[in-house]
Amino acid sequence: GCKSISYKLKNTNIMEITKDKITEIFCIIDDFCKEYDAEIEKKAISEPNGRKHRKRKWAMSRSEIMAILIYFHFNTFRNFKHYCLFYVKNHLCDLFPNQLSYNRFIELESRVAVEMMLFIQLFCFGRCTGISFIDSTCVPVCHNKRIKRNKVFKGYAEIGKSTMGWYFGFKLHLICNERGELLNFMLTKANVDDRSTEVFNRLSDNVFGKLFADKGYISQGLFDRLFNDGIELVTGLKCNMKNKLMPLYDKILLRKRSVIETINDKLKNVAQLVHSRHRSVFNFAMNVLSVLAAYSFYEKKPSINIDYCIEHVDGQLTVIQ
């Protein structure tokens, strides 16, 4: 029994990150924050009486706070408090010399939400190549037995149902390309339909070509609406639907939806997207944003090879890679 356990631990997918990688992430974030401050300074409205406001600097810069938040999702840490107090404080003290107390760090965490959101939009998303995959995943915030006692997300989260059953929380909608790069995302309540117009109006920005989805996205109205926007929705068929012709190329790519399924698995099991220790709605939102930002820096992303050509051989179609 002990040998099998040690064997499984040795073969788990644990990402190792060096201090050089942390420095690289910090430099990218710091350059973005400097450009952000310069643009805000240009657009700022001055007081009519010429009164100046104090601009006190934080002991830790916003770039350092964002880098620490992102770095948390690279490792196997399950508890953010333990990560801050025992790992960052002891092992990363040379990279972050002006560290804050844990309570103060949590207070300032929500103040960098705008910067984190813009950073994801400008630096973390990939480019649409004409082949995209869409899916949604459940983000529960507590156990089903504690739904009525949950006070943190009262009025925010809702009860919804996924393929794994009922849960209380939110739903994360993702869209990616064949290289495993995220193109867009949207966080909604758990009871929002995947085929909602508001969801697709947000997700379909800068998306074109073929969009592959599961059977939960089957809707003639949605297909027509997306087709008018230059997007062809490709889904499977339910057992009670009539068969229809589908190009072999589309049928092959529809089987490759495991790309976005693997992304959902990485976000949950590696980046710690889901846990029940949230004590604030704002910190929950920051956790989701930092997870998506951290995923963009992963060196290994799920991808597929689409270098296929279709040829006629003896009257039959064959796929040659």
C-alpha atoms as a PDB file:
ATOM      1  CA  GLY A   1       0.000   0.000   0.000  1.00  0.00           C
ATOM      2  CA  CYS A   2       2.770   2.482   0.868  1.00  0.00           C
ATOM      3  CA  LYS A   3       4.601   1.783  -2.384  1.00  0.00           C
ATOM      4  CA  SER A   4       1.541   2.552  -4.492  1.00  0.00           C
ATOM      5  CA  ILE A   5       0.911   5.791  -2.613  1.00  0.00           C
ATOM      6  CA  SER A   6       4.481   6.985  -3.087  1.00  0.00           C
ATOM      7  CA  TYR A   7       4.326   6.021  -6.755  1.00  0.00           C
ATOM      8  CA  LYS A   8       1.209   8.100  -7.286  1.00  0.00           C
ATOM      9  CA  LEU A   9       2.735  11.069  -5.501  1.00  0.00           C
ATOM     10  CA  LYS A  10       5.835  10.927  -7.668  1.00  0.00           C
ATOM     11  CA  ASN A  11       3.790  10.948 -10.844  1.00  0.00           C
ATOM     12  CA  THR A  12       1.416  13.769  -9.945  1.00  0.00           C
ATOM     13  CA  ASN A  13       1.520  16.832 -12.201  1.00  0.00           C
ATOM     14  CA  ILE A  14       3.224  19.380  -9.945  1.00  0.00           C
ATOM     15  CA  MET A  15       4.487  22.520 -11.640  1.00  0.00           C
ATOM     16  CA  GLU A  16       7.820  23.822 -10.504  1.00  0.00           C
ATOM     17  CA  ILE A  17       8.386  27.555 -10.776  1.00  0.00           C
ATOM     18  CA  THR A  18      11.685  29.324 -10.241  1.00  0.00           C
ATOM     19  CA  LYS A  19      12.351  32.750  -8.827  1.00  0.00           C
ATOM     20  CA  ASP A  20      13.309  33.897 -12.311  1.00  0.00           C
ATOM     21  CA  LYS A  21       9.779  33.070 -13.454  1.00  0.00           C
ATOM     22  CA  ILE A  22       8.320  35.028 -10.530  1.00  0.00           C
ATOM     23  CA  THR A  23      10.526  37.985 -11.456  1.00  0.00           C
ATOM     24  CA  GLU A  24       9.376  37.748 -15.071  1.00  0.00           C
ATOM     25  CA  ILE A  25       5.706  37.772 -14.039  1.00  0.00           C
ATOM     26  CA  PHE A  26       6.300  40.706 -11.707  1.00  0.00           C
ATOM     27  CA  CYS A  27       8.069  42.727 -14.421  1.00  0.00           C
ATOM     28  CA  ILE A  28       5.187  42.190 -16.862  1.00  0.00           C
ATOM     29  CA  ILE A  29       2.656  43.259 -14.236  1.00  0.00           C
ATOM     30  CA  ASP A  30       4.772  46.222 -13.127  1.00  0.00           C
ATOM     31  CA  ASP A  31       5.113  47.523 -16.701  1.00  0.00           C
ATOM     32  CA  PHE A  32       1.350  47.274 -17.086  1.00  0.00           C
ATOM     33  CA  CYS A  33       0.727  49.146 -13.804  1.00  0.00           C
ATOM     34  CA  LYS A  34       3.053  51.965 -14.868  1.00  0.00           C
ATOM     35  CA  GLU A  35       1.209  52.375 -18.164  1.00  0.00           C
ATOM     36  CA  TYR A  36      -2.108  52.178 -16.327  1.00  0.00           C
ATOM     37  CA  ASP A  37      -1.091  54.944 -13.894  1.00  0.00           C
ATOM     38  CA  ALA A  38       0.091  57.143 -16.771  1.00  0.00           C
ATOM     39  CA  GLU A  39      -3.249  56.777 -18.582  1.00  0.00           C
ATOM     40  CA  ILE A  40      -5.230  57.430 -15.406  1.00  0.00           C
ATOM     41  CA  GLU A  41      -3.160  60.561 -14.789  1.00  0.00           C
ATOM     42  CA  LYS A  42      -4.054  61.852 -18.256  1.00  0.00           C
ATOM     43  CA  LYS A  43      -7.777  61.208 -17.797  1.00  0.00           C
ATOM     44  CA  ALA A  44      -7.974  62.436 -14.201  1.00  0.00           C
ATOM     45  CA  ILE A  45     -10.310  65.359 -13.482  1.00  0.00           C
ATOM     46  CA  SER A  46      -8.717  68.084 -11.384  1.00  0.00           C
ATOM     47  CA  GLU A  47     -10.553  69.736  -8.496  1.00  0.00           C
ATOM     48  CA  PRO A  48     -12.154  73.102  -9.369  1.00  0.00           C
ATOM     49  CA  ASN A  49     -10.569  74.805  -6.350  1.00  0.00           C
ATOM     50  CA  GLY A  50      -7.134  73.420  -7.161  1.00  0.00           C
ATOM     51  CA  ARG A  51      -7.031  71.340  -3.987  1.00  0.00           C
ATOM     52  CA  LYS A  52      -4.495  68.521  -4.039  1.00  0.00           C
ATOM     53  CA  HIS A  53      -5.185  65.047  -2.703  1.00  0.00           C
ATOM     54  CA  ARG A  54      -2.669  62.909  -0.901  1.00  0.00           C
ATOM     55  CA  LYS A  55      -1.301  60.017  -2.911  1.00  0.00           C
ATOM     56  CA  ARG A  56       0.256  57.886  -0.248  1.00  0.00           C
ATOM     57  CA  LYS A  57       2.163  54.892  -1.552  1.00  0.00           C
ATOM     58  CA  TRP A  58       1.466  51.472  -0.152  1.00  0.00           C
ATOM     59  CA  ALA A  59       4.200  49.576   1.628  1.00  0.00           C
ATOM     60  CA  MET A  60       3.750  46.893  -1.028  1.00  0.00           C
ATOM     61  CA  SER A  61       3.089  48.009  -4.567  1.00  0.00           C
ATOM     62  CA  ARG A  62       0.092  46.793  -6.527  1.00  0.00           C
ATOM     63  CA  SER A  63       2.447  44.865  -8.793  1.00  0.00           C
ATOM     64  CA  GLU A  64       3.779  42.890  -5.829  1.00  0.00           C
ATOM     65  CA  ILE A  65       0.278  42.132  -4.542  1.00  0.00           C
ATOM     66  CA  MET A  66      -0.869  40.931  -7.955  1.00  0.00           C
ATOM     67  CA  ALA A  67       2.263  38.818  -8.419  1.00  0.00           C
ATOM     68  CA  ILE A  68       1.761  37.120  -5.041  1.00  0.00           C
ATOM     69  CA  LEU A  69      -1.888  36.422  -5.862  1.00  0.00           C
ATOM     70  CA  ILE A  70      -0.977  34.884  -9.218  1.00  0.00           C
ATOM     71  CA  TYR A  71       1.940  32.855  -7.869  1.00  0.00           C
ATOM     72  CA  PHE A  72      -0.353  31.175  -5.319  1.00  0.00           C
ATOM     73  CA  HIS A  73      -2.090  29.300  -8.149  1.00  0.00           C
ATOM     74  CA  PHE A  74       1.103  27.783  -9.544  1.00  0.00           C
ATOM     75  CA  ASN A  75       1.721  25.371  -6.694  1.00  0.00           C
ATOM     76  CA  THR A  76      -0.134  22.827  -4.614  1.00  0.00           C
ATOM     77  CA  PHE A  77      -1.073  25.246  -1.838  1.00  0.00           C
ATOM     78  CA  ARG A  78      -4.605  24.793  -0.580  1.00  0.00           C
ATOM     79  CA  ASN A  79      -4.665  27.489   2.093  1.00  0.00           C
ATOM     80  CA  PHE A  80      -3.863  31.077   1.142  1.00  0.00           C
ATOM     81  CA  LYS A  81      -3.162  32.080   4.739  1.00  0.00           C
ATOM     82  CA  HIS A  82      -0.569  29.361   5.173  1.00  0.00           C
ATOM     83  CA  TYR A  83       0.911  30.351   1.806  1.00  0.00           C
ATOM     84  CA  CYS A  84       1.316  33.992   2.883  1.00  0.00           C
ATOM     85  CA  LEU A  85       2.526  33.448   6.439  1.00  0.00           C
ATOM     86  CA  PHE A  86       4.880  30.525   5.973  1.00  0.00           C
ATOM     87  CA  TYR A  87       5.955  30.435   2.326  1.00  0.00           C
ATOM     88  CA  VAL A  88       6.018  34.023   1.062  1.00  0.00           C
ATOM     89  CA  LYS A  89       7.306  35.391   4.353  1.00  0.00           C
ATOM     90  CA  ASN A  90      10.125  32.844   4.742  1.00  0.00           C
ATOM     91  CA  HIS A  91      11.094  31.795   1.222  1.00  0.00           C
ATOM     92  CA  LEU A  92      10.254  34.855  -0.893  1.00  0.00           C
ATOM     93  CA  CYS A  93      11.451  37.547   1.508  1.00  0.00           C
ATOM     94  CA  ASP A  94      14.281  38.492  -0.873  1.00  0.00           C
ATOM     95  CA  LEU A  95      11.823  39.115  -3.724  1.00  0.00           C
ATOM     96  CA  PHE A  96       9.226  40.885  -1.575  1.00  0.00           C
ATOM     97  CA  PRO A  97      11.133  42.680   1.231  1.00  0.00           C
ATOM     98  CA  ASN A  98       8.291  45.041   2.311  1.00  0.00           C
ATOM     99  CA  GLN A  99       5.711  42.451   3.217  1.00  0.00           C
ATOM    100  CA  LEU A 100       2.428  43.264   4.899  1.00  0.00           C
ATOM    101  CA  SER A 101       0.563  41.474   7.612  1.00  0.00           C
ATOM    102  CA  TYR A 102      -1.955  38.922   6.448  1.00  0.00           C
ATOM    103  CA  ASN A 103      -4.971  41.021   7.504  1.00  0.00           C
ATOM    104  CA  ARG A 104      -3.658  44.099   5.709  1.00  0.00           C
ATOM    105  CA  PHE A 105      -2.893  42.080   2.581  1.00  0.00           C
ATOM    106  CA  ILE A 106      -6.474  40.770   2.482  1.00  0.00           C
ATOM    107  CA  GLU A 107      -7.764  44.341   2.822  1.00  0.00           C
ATOM    108  CA  LEU A 108      -5.681  45.574  -0.108  1.00  0.00           C
ATOM    109  CA  GLU A 109      -6.409  42.531  -2.234  1.00  0.00           C
ATOM    110  CA  SER A 110      -9.786  43.791  -3.433  1.00  0.00           C
ATOM    111  CA  ARG A 111      -8.347  47.222  -4.307  1.00  0.00           C
ATOM    112  CA  VAL A 112      -6.387  45.827  -7.232  1.00  0.00           C
ATOM    113  CA  ALA A 113      -9.449  44.239  -8.849  1.00  0.00           C
ATOM    114  CA  VAL A 114      -9.659  46.812 -11.666  1.00  0.00           C
ATOM    115  CA  GLU A 115      -5.968  46.453 -12.486  1.00  0.00           C
ATOM    116  CA  MET A 116      -6.218  42.657 -12.433  1.00  0.00           C
ATOM    117  CA  MET A 117      -9.232  42.671 -14.737  1.00  0.00           C
ATOM    118  CA  LEU A 118      -7.559  44.982 -17.260  1.00  0.00           C
ATOM    119  CA  PHE A 119      -4.355  42.966 -17.081  1.00  0.00           C
ATOM    120  CA  ILE A 120      -6.261  39.802 -17.988  1.00  0.00           C
ATOM    121  CA  GLN A 121      -8.032  41.513 -20.868  1.00  0.00           C
ATOM    122  CA  LEU A 122      -4.856  43.011 -22.350  1.00  0.00           C
ATOM    123  CA  PHE A 123      -2.113  40.474 -21.595  1.00  0.00           C
ATOM    124  CA  CYS A 124      -3.610  37.080 -20.717  1.00  0.00           C
ATOM    125  CA  PHE A 125      -6.042  36.317 -23.523  1.00  0.00           C
ATOM    126  CA  GLY A 126      -5.017  34.585 -26.738  1.00  0.00           C
ATOM    127  CA  ARG A 127      -6.007  35.280 -30.321  1.00  0.00           C
ATOM    128  CA  CYS A 128      -8.907  33.680 -32.144  1.00  0.00           C
ATOM    129  CA  THR A 129      -7.755  31.448 -35.010  1.00  0.00           C
ATOM    130  CA  GLY A 130     -11.163  30.522 -36.387  1.00  0.00           C
ATOM    131  CA  ILE A 131     -11.419  27.330 -34.288  1.00  0.00           C
ATOM    132  CA  SER A 132     -12.851  27.868 -30.807  1.00  0.00           C
ATOM    133  CA  PHE A 133     -14.301  25.725 -28.027  1.00  0.00           C
ATOM    134  CA  ILE A 134     -16.845  26.849 -25.448  1.00  0.00           C
ATOM    135  CA  ASP A 135     -17.944  25.278 -22.192  1.00  0.00           C
ATOM    136  CA  SER A 136     -19.074  26.171 -18.683  1.00  0.00           C
ATOM    137  CA  THR A 137     -18.069  24.728 -15.329  1.00  0.00           C
ATOM    138  CA  CYS A 138     -19.678  24.914 -11.918  1.00  0.00           C
ATOM    139  CA  VAL A 139     -18.029  26.911  -9.116  1.00  0.00           C
ATOM    140  CA  PRO A 140     -19.695  25.860  -5.832  1.00  0.00           C
ATOM    141  CA  VAL A 141     -18.995  28.002  -2.765  1.00  0.00           C
ATOM    142  CA  CYS A 142     -20.163  25.656  -0.009  1.00  0.00           C
ATOM    143  CA  HIS A 143     -21.456  22.165   0.667  1.00  0.00           C
ATOM    144  CA  ASN A 144     -25.089  21.521  -0.177  1.00  0.00           C
ATOM    145  CA  LYS A 145     -25.876  20.861   3.476  1.00  0.00           C
ATOM    146  CA  ARG A 146     -24.769  24.418   4.369  1.00  0.00           C
ATOM    147  CA  ILE A 147     -26.682  26.311   1.688  1.00  0.00           C
ATOM    148  CA  LYS A 148     -29.242  27.781   4.082  1.00  0.00           C
ATOM    149  CA  ARG A 149     -26.541  28.767   6.591  1.00  0.00           C
ATOM    150  CA  ASN A 150     -24.271  30.502   4.087  1.00  0.00           C
ATOM    151  CA  LYS A 151     -24.213  34.259   4.750  1.00  0.00           C
ATOM    152  CA  VAL A 152     -21.221  35.390   2.676  1.00  0.00           C
ATOM    153  CA  PHE A 153     -22.884  34.804  -0.701  1.00  0.00           C
ATOM    154  CA  LYS A 154     -26.472  35.464   0.313  1.00  0.00           C
ATOM    155  CA  GLY A 155     -28.097  37.407  -2.521  1.00  0.00           C
ATOM    156  CA  TYR A 156     -25.196  36.706  -4.894  1.00  0.00           C
ATOM    157  CA  ALA A 157     -24.979  32.955  -5.470  1.00  0.00           C
ATOM    158  CA  GLU A 158     -27.873  30.770  -6.586  1.00  0.00           C
ATOM    159  CA  ILE A 159     -28.735  27.084  -6.715  1.00  0.00           C
ATOM    160  CA  GLY A 160     -28.047  25.456 -10.058  1.00  0.00           C
ATOM    161  CA  LYS A 161     -27.638  22.018 -11.568  1.00  0.00           C
ATOM    162  CA  SER A 162     -24.727  20.610 -13.534  1.00  0.00           C
ATOM    163  CA  THR A 163     -23.863  17.158 -14.814  1.00  0.00           C
ATOM    164  CA  MET A 164     -22.533  16.383 -11.324  1.00  0.00           C
ATOM    165  CA  GLY A 165     -25.793  17.332  -9.596  1.00  0.00           C
ATOM    166  CA  TRP A 166     -27.159  20.299  -7.677  1.00  0.00           C
ATOM    167  CA  TYR A 167     -24.846  22.908  -6.171  1.00  0.00           C
ATOM    168  CA  PHE A 168     -24.879  26.414  -4.700  1.00  0.00           C
ATOM    169  CA  GLY A 169     -22.596  28.989  -6.268  1.00  0.00           C
ATOM    170  CA  PHE A 170     -21.687  30.368  -9.659  1.00  0.00           C
ATOM    171  CA  LYS A 171     -20.984  29.231 -13.203  1.00  0.00           C
ATOM    172  CA  LEU A 172     -17.812  30.080 -15.120  1.00  0.00           C
ATOM    173  CA  HIS A 173     -18.210  30.307 -18.901  1.00  0.00           C
ATOM    174  CA  LEU A 174     -14.988  29.905 -20.905  1.00  0.00           C
ATOM    175  CA  ILE A 175     -14.041  30.035 -24.553  1.00  0.00           C
ATOM    176  CA  CYS A 176     -10.618  28.997 -25.886  1.00  0.00           C
ATOM    177  CA  ASN A 177      -8.798  28.273 -29.141  1.00  0.00           C
ATOM    178  CA  GLU A 178      -7.166  25.019 -30.267  1.00  0.00           C
ATOM    179  CA  ARG A 179      -3.879  26.014 -28.601  1.00  0.00           C
ATOM    180  CA  GLY A 180      -5.503  26.067 -25.163  1.00  0.00           C
ATOM    181  CA  GLU A 181      -5.380  29.865 -24.849  1.00  0.00           C
ATOM    182  CA  LEU A 182      -8.363  31.546 -23.229  1.00  0.00           C
ATOM    183  CA  LEU A 183     -10.218  33.995 -25.433  1.00  0.00           C
ATOM    184  CA  ASN A 184     -12.859  35.252 -23.029  1.00  0.00           C
ATOM    185  CA  PHE A 185     -14.734  34.358 -19.863  1.00  0.00           C
ATOM    186  CA  MET A 186     -17.841  35.306 -17.928  1.00  0.00           C
ATOM    187  CA  LEU A 187     -18.924  34.547 -14.366  1.00  0.00           C
ATOM    188  CA  THR A 188     -22.660  34.198 -13.793  1.00  0.00           C
ATOM    189  CA  LYS A 189     -24.995  32.775 -11.187  1.00  0.00           C
ATOM    190  CA  ALA A 190     -25.495  29.042 -11.182  1.00  0.00           C
ATOM    191  CA  ASN A 191     -29.048  29.208 -12.538  1.00  0.00           C
ATOM    192  CA  VAL A 192     -28.124  31.087 -15.748  1.00  0.00           C
ATOM    193  CA  ASP A 193     -28.620  29.126 -18.958  1.00  0.00           C
ATOM    194  CA  ASP A 194     -25.527  28.424 -21.061  1.00  0.00           C
ATOM    195  CA  ARG A 195     -27.426  29.617 -24.147  1.00  0.00           C
ATOM    196  CA  SER A 196     -28.311  32.973 -22.624  1.00  0.00           C
ATOM    197  CA  THR A 197     -28.122  35.962 -24.960  1.00  0.00           C
ATOM    198  CA  GLU A 198     -26.212  38.050 -22.441  1.00  0.00           C
ATOM    199  CA  VAL A 199     -23.600  35.337 -22.037  1.00  0.00           C
ATOM    200  CA  PHE A 200     -22.972  34.964 -25.756  1.00  0.00           C
ATOM    201  CA  ASN A 201     -22.969  38.713 -26.365  1.00  0.00           C
ATOM    202  CA  ARG A 202     -20.081  38.894 -23.923  1.00  0.00           C
ATOM    203  CA  LEU A 203     -18.215  35.761 -24.983  1.00  0.00           C
ATOM    204  CA  SER A 204     -18.494  36.146 -28.756  1.00  0.00           C
ATOM    205  CA  ASP A 205     -16.491  39.388 -28.901  1.00  0.00           C
ATOM    206  CA  ASN A 206     -13.586  39.043 -31.358  1.00  0.00           C
ATOM    207  CA  VAL A 207     -14.591  35.434 -32.112  1.00  0.00           C
ATOM    208  CA  PHE A 208     -15.125  34.178 -35.666  1.00  0.00           C
ATOM    209  CA  GLY A 209     -15.150  30.916 -37.588  1.00  0.00           C
ATOM    210  CA  LYS A 210     -16.298  27.636 -36.051  1.00  0.00           C
ATOM    211  CA  LEU A 211     -17.367  27.351 -32.412  1.00  0.00           C
ATOM    212  CA  PHE A 212     -17.517  23.793 -31.018  1.00  0.00           C
ATOM    213  CA  ALA A 213     -19.781  23.097 -28.035  1.00  0.00           C
ATOM    214  CA  ASP A 214     -21.483  20.202 -26.287  1.00  0.00           C
ATOM    215  CA  LYS A 215     -25.120  19.203 -26.585  1.00  0.00           C
ATOM    216  CA  GLY A 216     -26.179  21.675 -23.903  1.00  0.00           C
ATOM    217  CA  TYR A 217     -25.766  24.507 -26.408  1.00  0.00           C
ATOM    218  CA  ILE A 218     -28.205  23.112 -28.974  1.00  0.00           C
ATOM    219  CA  SER A 219     -30.577  25.925 -29.956  1.00  0.00           C
ATOM    220  CA  GLN A 220     -31.798  26.935 -33.408  1.00  0.00           C
ATOM    221  CA  GLY A 221     -32.237  30.536 -32.357  1.00  0.00           C
ATOM    222  CA  LEU A 222     -28.706  30.660 -30.964  1.00  0.00           C
ATOM    223  CA  PHE A 223     -27.319  29.078 -34.135  1.00  0.00           C
ATOM    224  CA  ASP A 224     -29.048  31.650 -36.347  1.00  0.00           C
ATOM    225  CA  ARG A 225     -27.948  34.556 -34.188  1.00  0.00           C
ATOM    226  CA  LEU A 226     -24.318  33.443 -34.164  1.00  0.00           C
ATOM    227  CA  PHE A 227     -24.364  32.627 -37.878  1.00  0.00           C
ATOM    228  CA  ASN A 228     -25.393  36.201 -38.629  1.00  0.00           C
ATOM    229  CA  ASP A 229     -22.348  37.345 -36.634  1.00  0.00           C
ATOM    230  CA  GLY A 230     -19.977  35.170 -38.658  1.00  0.00           C
ATOM    231  CA  ILE A 231     -19.782  32.278 -36.162  1.00  0.00           C
ATOM    232  CA  GLU A 232     -20.806  28.707 -37.006  1.00  0.00           C
ATOM    233  CA  LEU A 233     -21.933  26.769 -33.938  1.00  0.00           C
ATOM    234  CA  VAL A 234     -21.070  23.063 -34.170  1.00  0.00           C
ATOM    235  CA  THR A 235     -22.631  20.669 -31.645  1.00  0.00           C
ATOM    236  CA  GLY A 236     -23.408  16.990 -31.374  1.00  0.00           C
ATOM    237  CA  LEU A 237     -26.844  15.455 -31.760  1.00  0.00           C
ATOM    238  CA  LYS A 238     -29.119  14.214 -29.034  1.00  0.00           C
ATOM    239  CA  CYS A 239     -30.567  10.716 -29.214  1.00  0.00           C
ATOM    240  CA  ASN A 240     -34.054  12.034 -30.055  1.00  0.00           C
ATOM    241  CA  MET A 241     -32.862  14.250 -32.935  1.00  0.00           C
ATOM    242  CA  LYS A 242     -32.738  13.397 -36.611  1.00  0.00           C
ATOM    243  CA  ASN A 243     -29.362  12.658 -38.125  1.00  0.00           C
ATOM    244  CA  LYS A 244     -27.787  15.282 -40.339  1.00  0.00           C
ATOM    245  CA  LEU A 245     -24.724  15.442 -42.509  1.00  0.00           C
ATOM    246  CA  MET A 246     -21.592  16.871 -40.904  1.00  0.00           C
ATOM    247  CA  PRO A 247     -18.236  17.498 -42.557  1.00  0.00           C
ATOM    248  CA  LEU A 248     -15.546  15.061 -41.485  1.00  0.00           C
ATOM    249  CA  TYR A 249     -13.322  17.958 -40.404  1.00  0.00           C
ATOM    250  CA  ASP A 250     -16.025  19.232 -38.021  1.00  0.00           C
ATOM    251  CA  LYS A 251     -16.661  15.730 -36.684  1.00  0.00           C
ATOM    252  CA  ILE A 252     -12.976  15.271 -35.848  1.00  0.00           C
ATOM    253  CA  LEU A 253     -12.685  18.635 -34.118  1.00  0.00           C
ATOM    254  CA  LEU A 254     -15.901  18.031 -32.187  1.00  0.00           C
ATOM    255  CA  ARG A 255     -14.198  15.029 -30.605  1.00  0.00           C
ATOM    256  CA  LYS A 256     -11.360  17.320 -29.501  1.00  0.00           C
ATOM    257  CA  ARG A 257     -13.489  19.195 -27.004  1.00  0.00           C
ATOM    258  CA  SER A 258     -11.287  17.617 -24.363  1.00  0.00           C
ATOM    259  CA  VAL A 259      -9.118  20.740 -24.722  1.00  0.00           C
ATOM    260  CA  ILE A 260     -11.511  22.967 -22.824  1.00  0.00           C
ATOM    261  CA  GLU A 261     -12.473  20.125 -20.482  1.00  0.00           C
ATOM    262  CA  THR A 262      -8.799  19.818 -19.545  1.00  0.00           C
ATOM    263  CA  ILE A 263      -8.631  23.574 -18.964  1.00  0.00           C
ATOM    264  CA  ASN A 264     -11.530  23.323 -16.524  1.00  0.00           C
ATOM    265  CA  ASP A 265      -9.740  20.469 -14.770  1.00  0.00           C
ATOM    266  CA  LYS A 266      -6.524  22.495 -14.467  1.00  0.00           C
ATOM    267  CA  LEU A 267      -8.357  25.523 -13.103  1.00  0.00           C
ATOM    268  CA  LYS A 268     -10.044  23.426 -10.422  1.00  0.00           C
ATOM    269  CA  ASN A 269      -7.440  20.850  -9.427  1.00  0.00           C
ATOM    270  CA  VAL A 270      -4.194  22.732 -10.054  1.00  0.00           C
ATOM    271  CA  ALA A 271      -5.068  26.413  -9.723  1.00  0.00           C
ATOM    272  CA  GLN A 272      -7.493  25.871  -6.807  1.00  0.00           C
ATOM    273  CA  LEU A 273     -10.459  27.663  -8.362  1.00  0.00           C
ATOM    274  CA  VAL A 274     -13.007  25.971  -6.097  1.00  0.00           C
ATOM    275  CA  HIS A 275     -12.899  25.957  -2.308  1.00  0.00           C
ATOM    276  CA  SER A 276     -15.325  26.781   0.505  1.00  0.00           C
ATOM    277  CA  ARG A 277     -13.184  29.110   2.629  1.00  0.00           C
ATOM    278  CA  HIS A 278     -14.239  32.433   1.107  1.00  0.00           C
ATOM    279  CA  ARG A 279     -15.161  35.090   3.664  1.00  0.00           C
ATOM    280  CA  SER A 280     -15.830  37.926   1.210  1.00  0.00           C
ATOM    281  CA  VAL A 281     -17.474  38.233  -2.200  1.00  0.00           C
ATOM    282  CA  PHE A 282     -14.722  40.571  -3.404  1.00  0.00           C
ATOM    283  CA  ASN A 283     -11.974  38.155  -2.423  1.00  0.00           C
ATOM    284  CA  PHE A 284     -13.858  35.376  -4.195  1.00  0.00           C
ATOM    285  CA  ALA A 285     -13.866  37.485  -7.361  1.00  0.00           C
ATOM    286  CA  MET A 286     -10.143  38.179  -6.938  1.00  0.00           C
ATOM    287  CA  ASN A 287      -9.513  34.460  -6.586  1.00  0.00           C
ATOM    288  CA  VAL A 288     -11.263  33.791  -9.898  1.00  0.00           C
ATOM    289  CA  LEU A 289      -9.342  36.574 -11.667  1.00  0.00           C
ATOM    290  CA  SER A 290      -5.976  35.479 -10.298  1.00  0.00           C
ATOM    291  CA  VAL A 291      -6.696  31.875 -11.335  1.00  0.00           C
ATOM    292  CA  LEU A 292      -7.323  32.961 -14.940  1.00  0.00           C
ATOM    293  CA  ALA A 293      -4.253  35.188 -14.916  1.00  0.00           C
ATOM    294  CA  ALA A 294      -2.074  32.381 -13.533  1.00  0.00           C
ATOM    295  CA  TYR A 295      -3.303  29.937 -16.176  1.00  0.00           C
ATOM    296  CA  SER A 296      -2.086  32.247 -18.951  1.00  0.00           C
ATOM    297  CA  PHE A 297       1.467  31.871 -17.589  1.00  0.00           C
ATOM    298  CA  TYR A 298       1.366  28.058 -17.547  1.00  0.00           C
ATOM    299  CA  GLU A 299       4.020  26.680 -19.865  1.00  0.00           C
ATOM    300  CA  LYS A 300       2.075  23.509 -20.661  1.00  0.00           C
ATOM    301  CA  LYS A 301      -1.440  24.083 -21.977  1.00  0.00           C
ATOM    302  CA  PRO A 302      -3.719  21.486 -23.559  1.00  0.00           C
ATOM    303  CA  SER A 303      -3.644  21.802 -27.343  1.00  0.00           C
ATOM    304  CA  ILE A 304      -4.448  19.810 -30.464  1.00  0.00           C
ATOM    305  CA  ASN A 305      -2.701  19.317 -33.778  1.00  0.00           C
ATOM    306  CA  ILE A 306      -5.026  20.322 -36.602  1.00  0.00           C
ATOM    307  CA  ASP A 307      -2.647  19.717 -39.507  1.00  0.00           C
ATOM    308  CA  TYR A 308      -5.005  17.390 -41.333  1.00  0.00           C
ATOM    309  CA  CYS A 309      -5.649  17.022 -45.047  1.00  0.00           C
ATOM    310  CA  ILE A 310      -8.596  15.160 -46.538  1.00  0.00           C
ATOM    311  CA  GLU A 311      -7.958  13.138 -49.670  1.00  0.00           C
ATOM    312  CA  HIS A 312      -9.993  10.835 -51.890  1.00  0.00           C
ATOM    313  CA  VAL A 313      -8.635   7.279 -51.843  1.00  0.00           C
ATOM    314  CA  ASP A 314     -10.626   4.547 -53.627  1.00  0.00           C
ATOM    315  CA  GLY A 315     -13.806   6.545 -53.307  1.00  0.00           C
ATOM    316  CA  GLN A 316     -13.506   6.908 -49.535  1.00  0.00           C
ATOM    317  CA  LEU A 317     -12.416   9.831 -47.382  1.00  0.00           C
ATOM    318  CA  THR A 318      -9.303   9.278 -45.330  1.00  0.00           C
ATOM    319  CA  VAL A 319      -7.604  11.500 -42.815  1.00  0.00           C
ATOM    320  CA  ILE A 320      -3.825  11.772 -43.095  1.00  0.00           C
ATOM    321  CA  GLN A 321      -1.835  13.496 -40.344  1.00  0.00           C
END
